C-alpha cells in the first residue's frame, strides 16, 4: 500500500503570476549612474505586476553663489511592460550638480543643503536601488548666464515675452515658465506668447523673476479711420426740362430731387400738369369757334352801319 501511495504523489504546483512579479511598494531595483555625462539607467529586479508603476528622475543644476537652479531634467517610469528605463540630461560646462532619484519630484531650484533629496537618491537605502551613489558634483568655472526678459504689448490686446541670453554668457540661460524649462545658448533668443487675460511669470537661473501682462503700448494705439467717401463734383445748374403732357390716368409726380449745390435748390417742384388731353386743350391760348362767329357777326353789323351812315351824309349834301 505504501508503494502504491507513493506512486500517486501529485506533481509540484506551478508558481502563480503573483509570485513572479512585484508590487511597486515591494519592488527593488539596480542602476548605473554617470553624473559627468548626465546619464543613468534603472532596472527592476523583478518585473512589476500589471497596473503597478514606479517613476524615476534625473536633474542637472547650475551651481552658483545663489544656489542651484535647474538646467535640464528627464523623467521615466518602470511598468509591467517596461522593466528598464534610461535617463539623459545636458550637463552645464561650469559648476554643476547632478542627481538621480526614485520618484518624479525634481526641485526647480535649491538654495540650501548639500543633498535636498535625502534617501531618494539612487544608491541610498531609501531608494531601494542597488548601485553607485547617484549624486555628482563637478566643474570649476563660475556659471555666468545672462538672461533677460522683456514684454511687448500689441494694440489688439495680446503681448509677448522675449527671452534672451547675452552673447557674453558662458553657459546657457534657463527660463522656467509654468514648470517648463526653456534653455537658450549665449546669443540666442525666442518669444513666448502671454495669456490674453492674465499675467506671465518667468523665473531665470540668476534667481530673478519677471512678471508681465498686457499694457497699452507706449507709442499709443492709432485707430485707422475708414477712407472718406469721395464727393462728386457739383454739376452746373441746368434749366428744368419741359414737362411732357401726362397720359390719361397717369399720376403726376409731386417732387423731383436734384443735385444740391450752392446755386440750385435742393428740391425742384415741376409745374402742375393737366390730367387729361381735354383739359390740356382748354388751357391752350386762343378763342373757341363760337367766340369767333360772334366776333365776325359783330364786325358785319359794324360794316353795315357804316355804309348806311355814309349814304345819309351824302343825302344832306346833295338834296337833289
Protein backbone atom coordinates (compact mmCIF):
# COMPACT_ATOMS: atom_id res chain seq x y z
CA UNK A 1 0.00 0.00 0.00
CA UNK A 2 2.89 2.29 0.80
CA UNK A 3 4.34 1.78 -2.66
CA UNK A 4 1.01 2.50 -4.25
CA UNK A 5 0.59 5.64 -2.21
CA UNK A 6 3.98 6.90 -3.37
CA UNK A 7 3.06 6.29 -6.99
CA UNK A 8 0.19 8.79 -6.73
CA UNK A 9 2.19 11.73 -5.28
CA UNK A 10 0.87 14.92 -7.07
CA UNK A 11 3.38 16.99 -9.13
CA UNK A 12 4.58 20.37 -7.73
CA UNK A 13 2.20 23.26 -8.37
CA UNK A 14 3.50 25.89 -10.86
CA UNK A 15 4.30 29.34 -9.44
CA UNK A 16 1.45 31.85 -9.84
CA UNK A 17 1.81 35.20 -11.62
CA UNK A 18 1.72 36.95 -8.24
CA UNK A 19 4.82 35.01 -7.20
CA UNK A 20 6.79 36.09 -10.33
CA UNK A 21 6.07 39.87 -10.24
CA UNK A 22 6.38 42.58 -7.63
CA UNK A 23 4.21 45.44 -6.44
CA UNK A 24 5.65 48.93 -6.59
CA UNK A 25 5.87 49.09 -2.80
CA UNK A 26 7.94 45.88 -2.54
CA UNK A 27 9.96 46.20 -5.77
CA UNK A 28 13.72 46.56 -5.75
CA UNK A 29 15.96 47.96 -8.50
CA UNK A 30 19.51 48.21 -9.70
CA UNK A 31 21.02 51.21 -11.51
CA UNK A 32 24.01 52.73 -13.25
CA UNK A 33 24.99 56.38 -12.99
CA UNK A 34 27.43 58.67 -14.85
CA UNK A 35 26.98 62.17 -13.46
CA UNK A 36 29.62 63.84 -15.64
CA UNK A 37 27.81 62.76 -18.83
CA UNK A 38 24.32 63.09 -17.33
CA UNK A 39 23.22 59.50 -17.83
CA UNK A 40 21.55 56.83 -15.71
CA UNK A 41 19.73 53.52 -16.20
CA UNK A 42 17.35 51.80 -13.78
CA UNK A 43 16.09 48.18 -13.96
CA UNK A 44 13.53 46.38 -11.80
CA UNK A 45 14.97 43.21 -10.20
CA UNK A 46 11.56 41.59 -10.66
CA UNK A 47 9.03 42.78 -13.18
CA UNK A 48 6.25 44.87 -11.75
CA UNK A 49 2.77 43.40 -11.64
CA UNK A 50 0.09 44.65 -14.02
CA UNK A 51 -1.14 48.08 -13.06
CA UNK A 52 1.97 48.86 -10.96
CA UNK A 53 4.48 51.61 -11.77
CA UNK A 54 7.49 53.41 -10.34
CA UNK A 55 8.83 56.79 -11.59
CA UNK A 56 12.47 57.94 -11.63
CA UNK A 57 14.02 61.33 -12.31
CA UNK A 58 17.36 62.84 -13.34
CA UNK A 59 18.25 66.53 -13.00
CA UNK A 60 21.31 68.74 -13.61
CA UNK A 61 21.82 72.16 -11.99
CA UNK A 62 23.98 75.21 -12.49
CA UNK A 63 25.69 75.69 -9.13
CA UNK A 64 26.40 79.33 -8.31
CA UNK A 65 26.64 81.67 -5.36
CA UNK A 66 22.87 82.00 -5.09
CA UNK A 67 22.27 78.25 -5.07
CA UNK A 68 21.44 75.60 -7.67
CA UNK A 69 18.98 76.26 -10.49
CA UNK A 70 17.54 73.60 -12.78
CA UNK A 71 19.36 73.24 -16.08
CA UNK A 72 17.92 70.06 -17.60
CA UNK A 73 15.56 67.29 -16.46
CA UNK A 74 14.42 63.85 -17.57
CA UNK A 75 11.78 61.50 -16.18
CA UNK A 76 10.80 57.88 -16.94
CA UNK A 77 8.54 55.22 -15.44
CA UNK A 78 9.02 51.46 -14.94
CA UNK A 79 5.80 49.47 -15.50
CA UNK A 80 4.81 45.84 -16.01
CA UNK A 81 5.72 46.22 -19.69
CA UNK A 82 8.78 48.46 -19.25
CA UNK A 83 11.32 46.86 -16.91
CA UNK A 84 14.30 49.16 -17.73
CA UNK A 85 14.40 52.91 -18.27
CA UNK A 86 17.21 55.21 -19.43
CA UNK A 87 17.59 58.83 -18.32
CA UNK A 88 19.68 61.51 -20.03
CA UNK A 89 20.24 65.23 -19.31
CA UNK A 90 22.54 68.01 -20.54
CA UNK A 91 25.22 68.95 -18.01
CA UNK A 92 26.31 72.63 -17.92
CA UNK A 93 30.02 73.41 -18.67
CA UNK A 94 30.54 75.13 -15.30
CA UNK A 95 29.95 74.30 -11.64
CA UNK A 96 27.18 71.74 -11.53
CA UNK A 97 25.42 69.09 -9.51
CA UNK A 98 23.51 66.10 -10.92
CA UNK A 99 21.03 63.85 -9.08
CA UNK A 100 19.18 60.64 -9.99
CA UNK A 101 16.28 59.87 -7.67
CA UNK A 102 13.39 57.46 -7.13
CA UNK A 103 10.24 59.44 -7.86
CA UNK A 104 9.44 62.38 -10.12
CA UNK A 105 9.53 65.24 -7.61
CA UNK A 106 12.51 67.12 -9.03
CA UNK A 107 13.18 70.55 -7.50
CA UNK A 108 13.45 73.60 -9.76
CA UNK A 109 15.96 75.34 -7.50
CA UNK A 110 17.86 74.59 -4.33
CA UNK A 111 19.26 77.32 -2.08
CA UNK A 112 20.40 75.27 0.92
CA UNK A 113 21.59 71.80 1.85
CA UNK A 114 24.05 69.56 0.07
CA UNK A 115 21.51 66.83 -0.74
CA UNK A 116 17.90 68.10 -0.90
CA UNK A 117 16.55 64.61 -1.85
CA UNK A 118 17.85 62.64 1.11
CA UNK A 119 17.25 58.87 0.88
CA UNK A 120 15.54 59.15 -2.53
CA UNK A 121 18.92 59.48 -4.26
CA UNK A 122 19.64 56.21 -6.06
CA UNK A 123 22.25 54.17 -4.17
CA UNK A 124 20.82 55.22 -0.80
CA UNK A 125 18.98 52.55 1.15
CA UNK A 126 15.79 54.58 0.95
CA UNK A 127 15.79 54.43 -2.86
CA UNK A 128 15.60 50.59 -2.89
CA UNK A 129 18.06 50.63 -5.79
CA UNK A 130 21.44 48.95 -5.74
CA UNK A 131 24.32 50.84 -7.43
CA UNK A 132 26.72 53.78 -7.01
CA UNK A 133 25.56 56.96 -5.23
CA UNK A 134 23.72 58.93 -7.91
CA UNK A 135 24.95 62.39 -6.86
CA UNK A 136 27.59 64.18 -8.89
CA UNK A 137 29.34 67.48 -8.21
CA UNK A 138 31.77 68.83 -10.84
CA UNK A 139 33.02 71.79 -12.88
CA UNK A 140 35.30 74.59 -11.77
CA UNK A 141 34.25 77.68 -13.77
CA UNK A 142 31.75 80.08 -12.30
CA UNK A 143 28.37 79.79 -14.06
CA UNK A 144 27.59 83.18 -15.63
CA UNK A 145 24.33 83.10 -17.59
CA UNK A 146 22.97 86.49 -18.68
CA UNK A 147 19.23 86.01 -19.16
CA UNK A 148 16.91 88.91 -19.99
CA UNK A 149 13.13 89.06 -20.35
CA UNK A 150 11.24 91.93 -21.99
CA UNK A 151 7.49 92.23 -22.56
CA UNK A 152 5.91 93.82 -25.63
CA UNK A 153 2.21 94.61 -25.94
CA UNK A 154 0.20 94.96 -29.14
CA UNK A 155 -2.85 97.14 -29.71
CA UNK A 156 -5.06 94.08 -30.26
CA UNK A 157 -4.78 93.11 -26.57
CA UNK A 158 -2.03 90.49 -26.96
CA UNK A 159 1.50 90.57 -25.58
CA UNK A 160 4.70 88.56 -25.84
CA UNK A 161 7.75 87.89 -23.71
CA UNK A 162 11.13 87.97 -25.46
CA UNK A 163 13.66 85.65 -23.79
CA UNK A 164 17.35 86.38 -24.42
CA UNK A 165 20.77 85.22 -23.28
CA UNK A 166 23.58 87.69 -23.91
CA UNK A 167 26.45 86.64 -26.20
CA UNK A 168 28.92 87.25 -23.36
CA UNK A 169 27.39 84.49 -21.16
CA UNK A 170 29.50 81.36 -20.58
CA UNK A 171 26.56 78.98 -20.15
CA UNK A 172 23.02 78.61 -21.44
CA UNK A 173 20.37 80.59 -19.62
CA UNK A 174 17.35 78.67 -18.38
CA UNK A 175 13.86 80.14 -18.21
CA UNK A 176 11.23 78.42 -16.08
CA UNK A 177 7.62 79.06 -17.17
CA UNK A 178 4.75 77.11 -15.56
CA UNK A 179 7.04 74.17 -14.78
CA UNK A 180 8.54 74.02 -18.28
CA UNK A 181 12.23 74.75 -18.84
CA UNK A 182 13.44 76.70 -21.87
CA UNK A 183 17.22 76.77 -22.34
CA UNK A 184 18.96 79.34 -24.58
CA UNK A 185 22.63 79.27 -25.57
CA UNK A 186 24.65 82.52 -25.44
CA UNK A 187 23.46 84.97 -28.10
CA UNK A 188 20.13 83.21 -28.67
CA UNK A 189 16.58 84.47 -28.14
CA UNK A 190 12.98 83.36 -28.53
CA UNK A 191 9.49 84.68 -27.86
CA UNK A 192 6.64 83.32 -25.77
CA UNK A 193 3.01 84.42 -26.13
CA UNK A 194 1.38 85.55 -22.89
CA UNK A 195 -2.17 84.61 -21.82
CA UNK A 196 -4.68 87.12 -23.18
CA UNK A 197 -6.41 87.81 -19.87
CA UNK A 198 -3.64 87.07 -17.39
CA UNK A 199 -0.03 87.53 -16.39
CA UNK A 200 3.07 85.61 -17.42
CA UNK A 201 5.70 84.71 -14.81
CA UNK A 202 9.23 83.82 -15.87
CA UNK A 203 11.90 82.63 -13.41
CA UNK A 204 15.51 82.62 -14.67
CA UNK A 205 18.71 80.95 -13.45
CA UNK A 206 20.06 84.17 -11.95
CA UNK A 207 17.27 83.73 -9.37
CA UNK A 208 15.31 86.63 -10.84
CA UNK A 209 11.57 86.63 -11.51
CA UNK A 210 9.89 88.60 -14.30
CA UNK A 211 6.13 89.15 -14.35
CA UNK A 212 4.39 90.70 -17.34
CA UNK A 213 0.90 91.35 -18.64
CA UNK A 214 -0.74 93.42 -21.33
CA UNK A 215 -0.28 97.18 -21.09
CA UNK A 216 -1.13 99.96 -23.53
CA UNK A 217 1.86 100.40 -25.87
CA UNK A 218 3.98 103.44 -25.06
CA UNK A 219 3.61 104.70 -28.63
CA UNK A 220 -0.16 104.58 -28.29
CA UNK A 221 -2.70 102.85 -30.48
CA UNK A 222 -3.99 104.75 -33.50
CA UNK A 223 -7.37 103.78 -34.86
CA UNK A 224 -7.29 103.55 -38.61
CA UNK A 225 -10.18 105.63 -39.90
CA UNK A 226 -12.18 104.40 -42.84
CA UNK A 227 -11.35 106.31 -46.02
CA UNK A 228 -13.73 109.18 -46.56
CA UNK A 229 -16.17 108.77 -49.40
CA UNK A 230 -15.21 110.89 -52.37
CA UNK A 231 -17.56 113.81 -53.04
CA UNK A 232 -18.65 114.08 -56.68
CA UNK A 233 -18.05 117.43 -58.38
CA UNK A 234 -21.13 119.63 -58.45
CA UNK A 235 -22.78 119.73 -61.85
CA UNK A 236 -23.55 123.18 -63.27
CA UNK A 237 -27.17 124.26 -62.83
CA UNK A 238 -29.37 123.05 -65.67
CA UNK A 239 -32.71 124.57 -66.63
CA UNK A 240 -35.61 122.31 -65.88
CA UNK A 241 -36.68 120.20 -68.82
CA UNK A 242 -40.02 120.91 -70.42
CA UNK A 243 -42.69 118.73 -68.90
CA UNK A 244 -44.47 116.38 -71.25
CA UNK A 245 -48.24 116.01 -71.03
CA UNK A 246 -49.22 113.02 -68.98
CA UNK A 247 -51.22 110.24 -70.48
CA UNK A 248 -54.76 109.86 -69.18
CA UNK A 249 -54.80 108.27 -65.73
CA UNK A 250 -51.08 108.94 -65.07
CA UNK A 251 -50.23 110.30 -61.63
CA UNK A 252 -48.18 113.47 -61.78
CA UNK A 253 -45.04 113.40 -59.52
CA UNK A 254 -45.10 115.92 -56.72
CA UNK A 255 -41.34 116.49 -56.37
CA UNK A 256 -38.04 115.56 -58.01
CA UNK A 257 -34.72 115.51 -56.13
CA UNK A 258 -31.73 117.13 -57.83
CA UNK A 259 -28.05 117.57 -57.04
CA UNK A 260 -27.64 120.08 -54.28
CA UNK A 261 -25.20 122.92 -55.00
CA UNK A 262 -24.74 126.45 -53.72
CA UNK A 263 -26.68 127.95 -56.65
CA UNK A 264 -29.54 125.50 -57.04
CA UNK A 265 -32.24 124.47 -54.64
CA UNK A 266 -32.16 121.04 -53.13
CA UNK A 267 -35.64 120.14 -54.32
CA UNK A 268 -37.29 121.10 -57.61
CA UNK A 269 -41.09 121.15 -57.96
CA UNK A 270 -42.30 120.82 -61.57
CA UNK A 271 -45.40 122.77 -62.67
CA UNK A 272 -48.68 121.01 -62.31
CA UNK A 273 -49.78 119.15 -65.44
CA UNK A 274 -53.36 118.82 -66.79
CA UNK A 275 -54.83 115.44 -66.00
CA UNK A 276 -56.41 114.83 -69.44
CA UNK A 277 -56.00 115.82 -73.09
CA UNK A 278 -59.31 117.70 -72.98
CA UNK A 279 -58.12 119.78 -70.08
CA UNK A 280 -54.88 120.47 -71.92
CA UNK A 281 -56.89 121.67 -74.92
CA UNK A 282 -58.90 124.02 -72.71
CA UNK A 283 -55.71 125.53 -71.36
CA UNK A 284 -54.31 126.46 -74.80
CA UNK A 285 -54.43 130.23 -75.70
CA UNK A 286 -56.98 131.41 -78.42
CA UNK A 287 -60.82 131.60 -78.93
CA UNK A 288 -63.29 128.89 -79.39
CA UNK A 289 -65.35 128.56 -82.66
CA UNK A 290 -68.45 130.17 -81.10
CA UNK A 291 -66.49 133.17 -79.99
CA UNK A 292 -65.05 133.63 -83.48
CA UNK A 293 -68.56 133.59 -85.05
CA UNK A 294 -69.79 136.18 -82.57
CA UNK A 295 -66.87 138.47 -83.39
CA UNK A 296 -67.45 138.07 -87.15
CA UNK A 297 -71.12 138.89 -86.80
CA UNK A 298 -70.27 142.00 -84.80
CA UNK A 299 -67.87 143.14 -87.48
CA UNK A 300 -70.56 142.60 -90.13
CA UNK A 301 -73.02 144.75 -88.25
CA UNK A 302 -70.43 147.43 -87.79
CA UNK A 303 -69.65 147.37 -91.51
CA UNK A 304 -73.34 147.66 -92.46
CA UNK A 305 -73.91 150.54 -90.07
CA UNK A 306 -71.01 152.42 -91.56
CA UNK A 307 -72.40 152.04 -95.09
CA UNK A 308 -75.80 153.35 -94.01
CA UNK A 309 -74.19 156.34 -92.28
CA UNK A 310 -72.30 157.28 -95.46
CA UNK A 311 -75.47 157.31 -97.55
CA UNK A 312 -77.26 159.59 -95.07
CA UNK A 313 -74.46 162.10 -95.08
CA UNK A 314 -74.40 162.21 -98.88
CA UNK A 315 -78.16 163.00 -98.87
CA UNK A 316 -77.64 166.08 -96.78
CA UNK A 317 -75.00 167.37 -99.16
CA UNK A 318 -76.91 166.71 -102.35
CA UNK A 319 -80.66 167.21 -101.74
CA UNK A 320 -81.43 166.52 -105.38
